[in-house]
Protein backbone atom coordinates (compact mmCIF):
# COMPACT_ATOMS: atom_id res chain seq x y z
CA MET A 1 15.33 29.29 -9.23
CA ALA A 2 13.09 30.51 -12.01
CA GLY A 3 10.21 27.85 -13.08
CA HIS A 4 10.53 26.28 -9.98
CA SER A 5 7.56 27.45 -8.76
CA LYS A 6 5.61 26.67 -12.01
CA TRP A 7 6.78 23.12 -11.99
CA ALA A 8 5.40 22.96 -8.22
CA ASN A 9 1.87 23.86 -9.44
CA ILE A 10 2.16 21.35 -11.99
CA LYS A 11 2.21 19.13 -8.82
CA PHE A 12 -0.89 20.35 -7.66
CA ARG A 13 -2.45 20.19 -10.85
CA LYS A 14 -1.26 16.63 -11.00
CA ALA A 15 -2.48 16.08 -7.46
CA ALA A 16 -6.25 17.56 -8.45
CA GLN A 17 -6.10 15.24 -11.91
CA ASP A 18 -5.18 12.36 -10.14
CA ALA A 19 -8.49 12.89 -7.33
CA LYS A 20 -10.53 13.33 -9.92
CA ARG A 21 -9.85 10.09 -12.31
CA GLY A 22 -10.19 8.02 -8.74
CA LYS A 23 -6.30 7.40 -8.96
CA LEU A 24 -4.93 8.86 -5.63
CA PHE A 25 -5.92 6.10 -3.14
CA THR A 26 -4.22 3.68 -5.53
CA LYS A 27 -1.12 5.54 -5.96
CA PHE A 28 -0.92 5.96 -2.28
CA ILE A 29 -2.20 2.37 -1.42
CA ARG A 30 0.93 1.39 -4.22
CA GLU A 31 3.69 3.55 -2.61
CA ILE A 32 2.93 2.26 1.04
CA THR A 33 3.53 -0.82 -0.16
CA VAL A 34 6.70 -0.62 -1.79
CA ALA A 35 7.86 1.61 0.99
CA ALA A 36 7.19 -1.08 3.52
CA ARG A 37 8.46 -3.49 1.12
CA ALA A 38 11.87 -1.76 1.02
CA GLY A 39 12.10 -0.35 5.00
CA GLY A 40 10.01 -2.28 6.88
CA GLY A 41 6.55 -0.91 8.41
CA ASP A 42 7.57 1.08 11.46
CA VAL A 43 7.29 5.05 10.29
CA THR A 44 9.13 5.52 12.97
CA SER A 45 12.41 4.15 11.12
CA ASN A 46 11.15 4.45 7.46
CA PRO A 47 10.92 8.49 6.55
CA ARG A 48 9.64 7.04 2.99
CA LEU A 49 6.85 5.10 4.83
CA ARG A 50 6.24 8.18 6.93
CA ALA A 51 5.89 10.50 4.46
CA ALA A 52 3.66 8.01 2.14
CA THR A 53 1.57 7.33 4.77
CA ASP A 54 1.23 11.01 5.80
CA LYS A 55 0.21 12.09 2.33
CA ALA A 56 -2.58 9.18 2.76
CA LEU A 57 -4.12 9.88 5.61
CA GLY A 58 -4.23 13.72 4.56
CA ALA A 59 -6.10 12.76 2.00
CA ASN A 60 -8.67 11.19 4.05
CA MET A 61 -7.80 7.47 3.36
CA THR A 62 -8.74 5.11 6.94
CA ARG A 63 -6.13 4.41 9.07
CA ASP A 64 -7.33 0.63 8.23
CA THR A 65 -6.80 1.04 4.42
CA VAL A 66 -3.39 2.03 5.33
CA ASP A 67 -2.43 -0.45 7.86
CA ARG A 68 -3.22 -3.42 5.42
CA ALA A 69 -1.32 -1.61 2.24
CA ILE A 70 1.68 -1.47 4.86
CA LYS A 71 1.31 -5.54 5.84
CA ARG A 72 1.11 -6.19 2.07
CA GLY A 73 4.39 -4.63 1.98
CA THR A 74 6.02 -5.88 5.19
CA GLY A 75 4.27 -9.71 3.84
CA GLU A 76 1.71 -10.09 7.09
CA LEU A 77 -1.04 -10.05 4.31
CA ASP A 78 -1.19 -11.82 0.90
CA GLY A 79 -1.83 -9.49 -2.07
CA VAL A 80 -0.56 -7.86 -5.08
CA SER A 81 3.55 -7.82 -5.12
CA TYR A 82 4.98 -3.90 -6.58
CA GLU A 83 8.13 -3.58 -7.52
CA GLU A 84 9.86 -0.11 -8.50
CA VAL A 85 10.74 0.74 -12.15
CA ARG A 86 11.52 3.87 -13.39
CA TYR A 87 12.02 4.82 -17.30
CA GLU A 88 14.01 8.00 -18.58
CA GLY A 89 13.69 9.54 -22.23
CA TYR A 90 13.08 12.60 -24.07
CA ALA A 91 10.13 14.79 -24.41
CA PRO A 92 9.68 17.09 -27.86
CA ASN A 93 12.28 19.75 -28.27
CA GLY A 94 15.18 17.22 -26.29
CA VAL A 95 13.16 18.06 -22.74
CA ALA A 96 14.42 15.27 -20.42
CA VAL A 97 11.66 13.48 -18.80
CA LEU A 98 11.52 10.63 -15.35
CA VAL A 99 8.67 8.43 -15.43
CA GLU A 100 8.54 6.83 -12.00
CA CYS A 101 6.51 3.29 -11.61
CA THR A 102 5.27 0.91 -9.54
CA THR A 103 4.76 -2.37 -11.42
CA ASP A 104 3.48 -6.21 -11.11
CA ASN A 105 4.25 -6.63 -14.13
CA ARG A 106 7.34 -4.58 -16.12
CA ASN A 107 6.70 -5.60 -19.62
CA ARG A 108 3.20 -4.38 -19.61
CA THR A 109 4.22 -1.07 -18.12
CA VAL A 110 7.21 -0.65 -19.78
CA SER A 111 5.45 -1.36 -23.39
CA GLU A 112 2.60 1.18 -22.07
CA VAL A 113 5.51 3.61 -21.50
CA ARG A 114 7.03 3.58 -24.66
CA HIS A 115 3.77 3.49 -26.35
CA ALA A 116 3.24 7.25 -25.00
CA PHE A 117 6.63 8.40 -25.77
CA THR A 118 6.41 7.14 -29.73
CA LYS A 119 3.00 8.70 -29.69
CA TYR A 120 3.35 12.42 -28.71
CA GLY A 121 6.67 12.91 -30.60
CA GLY A 122 9.52 11.72 -27.43
CA ASN A 123 11.77 8.78 -27.32
CA LEU A 124 12.58 6.61 -24.43
CA GLY A 125 16.14 6.01 -23.72
CA SER A 126 18.50 3.73 -21.74
CA GLU A 127 19.34 3.47 -18.17
CA GLY A 128 21.19 6.88 -17.32
CA SER A 129 20.07 8.86 -20.31
CA VAL A 130 18.84 11.60 -18.36
CA ALA A 131 19.11 10.97 -14.82
CA TYR A 132 21.99 12.74 -14.21
CA LEU A 133 20.27 15.87 -15.21
CA PHE A 134 18.29 15.45 -11.73
CA ASP A 135 19.10 15.77 -7.99
CA LYS A 136 17.14 14.14 -5.54
CA VAL A 137 16.07 16.18 -3.13
CA GLY A 138 13.57 16.70 -0.28
CA LEU A 139 10.86 19.28 -1.05
CA LEU A 140 8.22 21.86 0.94
CA ILE A 141 6.61 24.71 -0.49
CA PHE A 142 5.17 27.48 1.86
CA PRO A 143 2.47 29.64 0.12
CA ALA A 144 2.59 33.43 -0.76
CA GLY A 145 2.61 35.40 1.84
CA VAL A 146 4.26 33.39 4.82
CA ASP A 147 6.82 34.68 7.01
CA GLU A 148 9.88 34.69 4.47
CA ASN A 149 11.92 35.08 7.88
CA VAL A 150 10.30 33.00 9.57
CA VAL A 151 10.85 29.97 7.19
CA MET A 152 14.30 30.80 6.45
CA GLU A 153 15.56 30.80 10.31
CA THR A 154 13.52 27.49 11.41
CA ALA A 155 14.75 25.83 8.22
CA VAL A 156 18.41 26.71 8.92
CA GLU A 157 18.30 25.60 12.31
CA ALA A 158 16.69 22.19 11.24
CA GLY A 159 19.21 21.55 8.69
CA ALA A 160 17.39 22.34 5.49
CA GLN A 161 19.69 23.19 2.55
CA ASP A 162 18.59 25.68 1.23
CA VAL A 163 15.75 28.15 0.73
CA GLU A 164 14.41 30.28 -1.97
CA THR A 165 11.51 32.28 -2.57
CA GLY A 166 9.58 32.36 -6.10
CA PRO A 167 8.25 35.25 -8.48
CA ASP A 168 4.74 34.15 -7.19
CA GLY A 169 5.57 34.29 -3.82
CA THR A 170 5.91 31.19 -2.64
CA VAL A 171 8.71 29.91 -0.72
CA GLU A 172 10.56 26.51 -1.04
CA VAL A 173 13.05 24.75 1.40
CA ILE A 174 15.06 22.26 0.09
CA THR A 175 16.23 19.64 2.16
CA GLU A 176 18.09 16.35 2.29
CA PRO A 177 15.88 13.37 1.05
CA GLU A 178 16.45 11.56 4.28
CA LYS A 179 16.11 14.89 6.26
CA LEU A 180 12.43 15.69 4.96
CA ASN A 181 10.54 14.14 7.76
CA PHE A 182 12.52 15.61 10.18
CA VAL A 183 12.58 19.39 8.76
CA THR A 184 8.51 19.21 8.00
CA ASP A 185 8.08 18.41 11.86
CA GLN A 186 10.20 21.35 13.09
CA MET A 187 8.63 23.92 10.47
CA SER A 188 5.36 22.49 11.90
CA ALA A 189 6.18 23.05 15.39
CA ALA A 190 7.15 26.72 14.23
CA GLY A 191 3.64 26.79 12.78
CA LEU A 192 4.37 26.59 9.51
CA VAL A 193 2.40 24.62 7.49
CA SER A 194 3.92 23.46 3.85
CA GLU A 195 1.36 22.75 0.96
CA LEU A 196 3.65 20.13 -0.35
CA ALA A 197 6.28 17.85 1.20
CA GLU A 198 8.00 15.45 -0.71
CA VAL A 199 10.79 13.88 -1.66
CA VAL A 200 11.10 15.00 -6.12
CA GLN A 201 13.48 14.86 -8.74
CA ARG A 202 14.78 18.24 -9.24
CA PRO A 203 16.05 19.82 -12.47
CA THR A 204 19.43 21.06 -12.34
CA SER A 205 18.43 23.20 -15.29
CA GLU A 206 15.30 24.02 -17.52
CA THR A 207 14.28 24.24 -20.62
CA GLU A 208 12.34 27.02 -21.58
CA LEU A 209 8.94 26.28 -23.50
CA ALA A 210 6.16 28.17 -25.18
CA GLY A 211 3.18 27.54 -27.46
CA GLU A 212 3.00 24.78 -29.78
CA ASP A 213 6.22 23.45 -27.97
CA ALA A 214 4.91 23.34 -24.49
CA GLU A 215 1.56 21.57 -26.00
CA LYS A 216 3.35 19.01 -27.14
CA VAL A 217 5.22 18.29 -24.15
CA MET A 218 2.20 18.61 -21.67
CA LEU A 219 0.53 16.11 -24.23
CA LEU A 220 3.37 13.59 -23.45
CA ILE A 221 3.23 14.34 -19.23
CA ASN A 222 -0.34 13.63 -19.89
CA ALA A 223 -0.43 10.83 -21.42
CA LEU A 224 2.24 8.93 -18.91
CA GLU A 225 0.21 10.27 -15.95
CA ASP A 226 -2.98 8.64 -17.48
CA LEU A 227 -0.87 5.24 -17.34
CA ASP A 228 -2.24 3.07 -14.15
CA ASP A 229 1.32 2.22 -13.32
CA VAL A 230 2.89 5.67 -13.38
CA GLN A 231 3.60 7.37 -10.12
CA ASP A 232 5.23 10.38 -10.70
CA VAL A 233 6.65 12.15 -13.83
CA PHE A 234 9.82 14.56 -13.88
CA THR A 235 10.63 16.80 -16.35
CA ASN A 236 13.11 19.56 -16.71
CA ALA A 237 10.41 21.80 -19.09
CA SER A 238 9.43 24.97 -17.72
CA PHE A 239 5.90 25.87 -19.01
CA PRO A 240 4.21 29.45 -19.77
CA GLU A 241 2.72 30.66 -16.59
CA ASP A 242 -0.59 30.47 -18.55
CA MET A 243 -0.25 27.19 -18.62
CA VAL A 244 0.31 26.06 -14.79
CA PRO A 245 -3.39 26.51 -13.34
CA ALA A 246 -3.19 27.34 -9.92
CA SER A 247 -3.41 25.47 -7.05
């Protein structure tokens, strides 16, 4: 699965950047609100809400803040009403980009996303233009040095779809999106704590980049991530190792 461990490291880089920019809690609140609105406020019956609250609490968000976000999503508290929108487009060199957003103003969001694509040499596409190049999966990443055999055995017993080891020694477990929480719990029960556990858009193939081409695409991704309404950016670009800082 060449390049996917690089992509996972970019996820870590993005999380670190969000924390530095003070955006991490804002993104968590929006995700919790949208998840509660879509599937109800009970974390035991709403896997997406469970994942969102686990991430928020793991980042030291207070339980009170989480509960208020849930209540805003279910309508028990007044507040801004967010909706999910997704935009698709191409970065330079034909790299596919998916931009997942939560917004209270679609016109503002699409304008900002389009501006970023245009400014950095990309093109905003129509619905369905690149989505077919990605699979929605649950992804767990375990650090280098973990016992691969134990990860494999536990993951298979929990019903995971695949287990693969990256060139850097990290081990990735792929699940169906709706099984992510169950598999995560089974791995934790076996003493295996993942560094990342979330539902992602995983590219079915990758575009290898280097030099100036890689820099151009990274500039666009960074610009999109800087937008307040953007929750996540997924791409099929595979960047050189020296462009992917360690977590």
